[in-house]
Amino acid sequence: MKHIKQDQALEELTTAFKSFDKWKTYSTAFTLLDSKLVRLLDILDAASKAGIQPSVIMMRRRDWLRS
């Protein structure tokens, strides 16, 4: 069952980066990360495919944790 949830989470993450909307995408990504359904590595991979540098993801993550 856990694998199904993780597969669905990865699909949701990929979709979020494909249809990039800055705050909605980061909210989706970091909510999934905080729920332990995806790894930071998964987010970095999806972001990279969308042309977003790892440094940007790390900056957004720091912002997310501070809020």
C-alpha atoms as a PDB file:
ATOM      1  CA  MET A   1       0.000   0.000   0.000  1.00  0.00           C
ATOM      2  CA  LYS A   2       2.847   2.380   0.832  1.00  0.00           C
ATOM      3  CA  HIS A   3       4.346   1.930  -2.638  1.00  0.00           C
ATOM      4  CA  ILE A   4       1.039   2.892  -4.254  1.00  0.00           C
ATOM      5  CA  LYS A   5       0.921   6.103  -2.216  1.00  0.00           C
ATOM      6  CA  GLN A   6       4.532   6.869  -3.105  1.00  0.00           C
ATOM      7  CA  ASP A   7       3.880   6.188  -6.801  1.00  0.00           C
ATOM      8  CA  GLN A   8       0.877   8.510  -6.710  1.00  0.00           C
ATOM      9  CA  ALA A   9       2.910  11.137  -4.888  1.00  0.00           C
ATOM     10  CA  LEU A  10       5.702  10.945  -7.478  1.00  0.00           C
ATOM     11  CA  GLU A  11       3.134  11.337 -10.252  1.00  0.00           C
ATOM     12  CA  GLU A  12       1.622  14.351  -8.486  1.00  0.00           C
ATOM     13  CA  LEU A  13       5.095  15.836  -8.062  1.00  0.00           C
ATOM     14  CA  THR A  14       5.975  15.316 -11.716  1.00  0.00           C
ATOM     15  CA  THR A  15       2.686  16.843 -12.839  1.00  0.00           C
ATOM     16  CA  ALA A  16       3.217  19.852 -10.576  1.00  0.00           C
ATOM     17  CA  PHE A  17       6.570  20.612 -12.175  1.00  0.00           C
ATOM     18  CA  LYS A  18       5.290  19.976 -15.710  1.00  0.00           C
ATOM     19  CA  SER A  19       2.503  22.524 -15.229  1.00  0.00           C
ATOM     20  CA  PHE A  20       4.703  24.847 -13.177  1.00  0.00           C
ATOM     21  CA  ASP A  21       2.922  27.468 -11.086  1.00  0.00           C
ATOM     22  CA  LYS A  22       5.549  28.839  -8.711  1.00  0.00           C
ATOM     23  CA  TRP A  23       3.793  28.770  -5.353  1.00  0.00           C
ATOM     24  CA  LYS A  24       1.412  25.926  -6.094  1.00  0.00           C
ATOM     25  CA  THR A  25       4.249  23.711  -7.337  1.00  0.00           C
ATOM     26  CA  TYR A  26       6.504  24.376  -4.349  1.00  0.00           C
ATOM     27  CA  SER A  27       3.602  23.904  -1.958  1.00  0.00           C
ATOM     28  CA  THR A  28       2.783  20.542  -3.529  1.00  0.00           C
ATOM     29  CA  ALA A  29       6.413  19.436  -3.559  1.00  0.00           C
ATOM     30  CA  PHE A  30       7.210  20.394   0.009  1.00  0.00           C
ATOM     31  CA  THR A  31       3.924  19.100   1.412  1.00  0.00           C
ATOM     32  CA  LEU A  32       4.698  15.725  -0.165  1.00  0.00           C
ATOM     33  CA  LEU A  33       8.232  15.893   1.242  1.00  0.00           C
ATOM     34  CA  ASP A  34       7.014  16.773   4.735  1.00  0.00           C
ATOM     35  CA  SER A  35       4.569  13.858   4.509  1.00  0.00           C
ATOM     36  CA  LYS A  36       7.512  11.574   3.649  1.00  0.00           C
ATOM     37  CA  LEU A  37       5.897  10.501   0.396  1.00  0.00           C
ATOM     38  CA  VAL A  38       8.752  11.855  -1.733  1.00  0.00           C
ATOM     39  CA  ARG A  39      12.415  12.550  -1.083  1.00  0.00           C
ATOM     40  CA  LEU A  40      14.269  15.795  -1.632  1.00  0.00           C
ATOM     41  CA  LEU A  41      16.140  13.935  -4.358  1.00  0.00           C
ATOM     42  CA  ASP A  42      12.811  13.289  -6.127  1.00  0.00           C
ATOM     43  CA  ILE A  43      12.006  17.002  -6.013  1.00  0.00           C
ATOM     44  CA  LEU A  44      15.453  17.916  -7.328  1.00  0.00           C
ATOM     45  CA  ASP A  45      15.031  15.428 -10.178  1.00  0.00           C
ATOM     46  CA  ALA A  46      11.563  16.686 -11.161  1.00  0.00           C
ATOM     47  CA  ALA A  47      12.734  20.292 -10.934  1.00  0.00           C
ATOM     48  CA  SER A  48      15.793  19.565 -13.055  1.00  0.00           C
ATOM     49  CA  LYS A  49      13.574  18.136 -15.792  1.00  0.00           C
ATOM     50  CA  ALA A  50      11.633  21.420 -15.676  1.00  0.00           C
ATOM     51  CA  GLY A  51      14.869  23.422 -15.989  1.00  0.00           C
ATOM     52  CA  ILE A  52      15.053  24.529 -12.357  1.00  0.00           C
ATOM     53  CA  GLN A  53      18.465  24.513 -10.708  1.00  0.00           C
ATOM     54  CA  PRO A  54      19.037  22.639  -7.414  1.00  0.00           C
ATOM     55  CA  SER A  55      20.100  25.886  -5.724  1.00  0.00           C
ATOM     56  CA  VAL A  56      16.639  27.343  -6.408  1.00  0.00           C
ATOM     57  CA  ILE A  57      14.943  24.325  -4.853  1.00  0.00           C
ATOM     58  CA  MET A  58      17.167  24.561  -1.776  1.00  0.00           C
ATOM     59  CA  MET A  59      16.406  28.284  -1.432  1.00  0.00           C
ATOM     60  CA  ARG A  60      12.645  27.646  -1.717  1.00  0.00           C
ATOM     61  CA  ARG A  61      12.935  24.829   0.822  1.00  0.00           C
ATOM     62  CA  ARG A  62      14.634  27.116   3.324  1.00  0.00           C
ATOM     63  CA  ASP A  63      11.873  29.667   2.768  1.00  0.00           C
ATOM     64  CA  TRP A  64       9.239  26.954   3.256  1.00  0.00           C
ATOM     65  CA  LEU A  65      10.774  25.836   6.551  1.00  0.00           C
ATOM     66  CA  ARG A  66      10.949  29.395   7.853  1.00  0.00           C
ATOM     67  CA  SER A  67       7.289  30.120   7.156  1.00  0.00           C
END
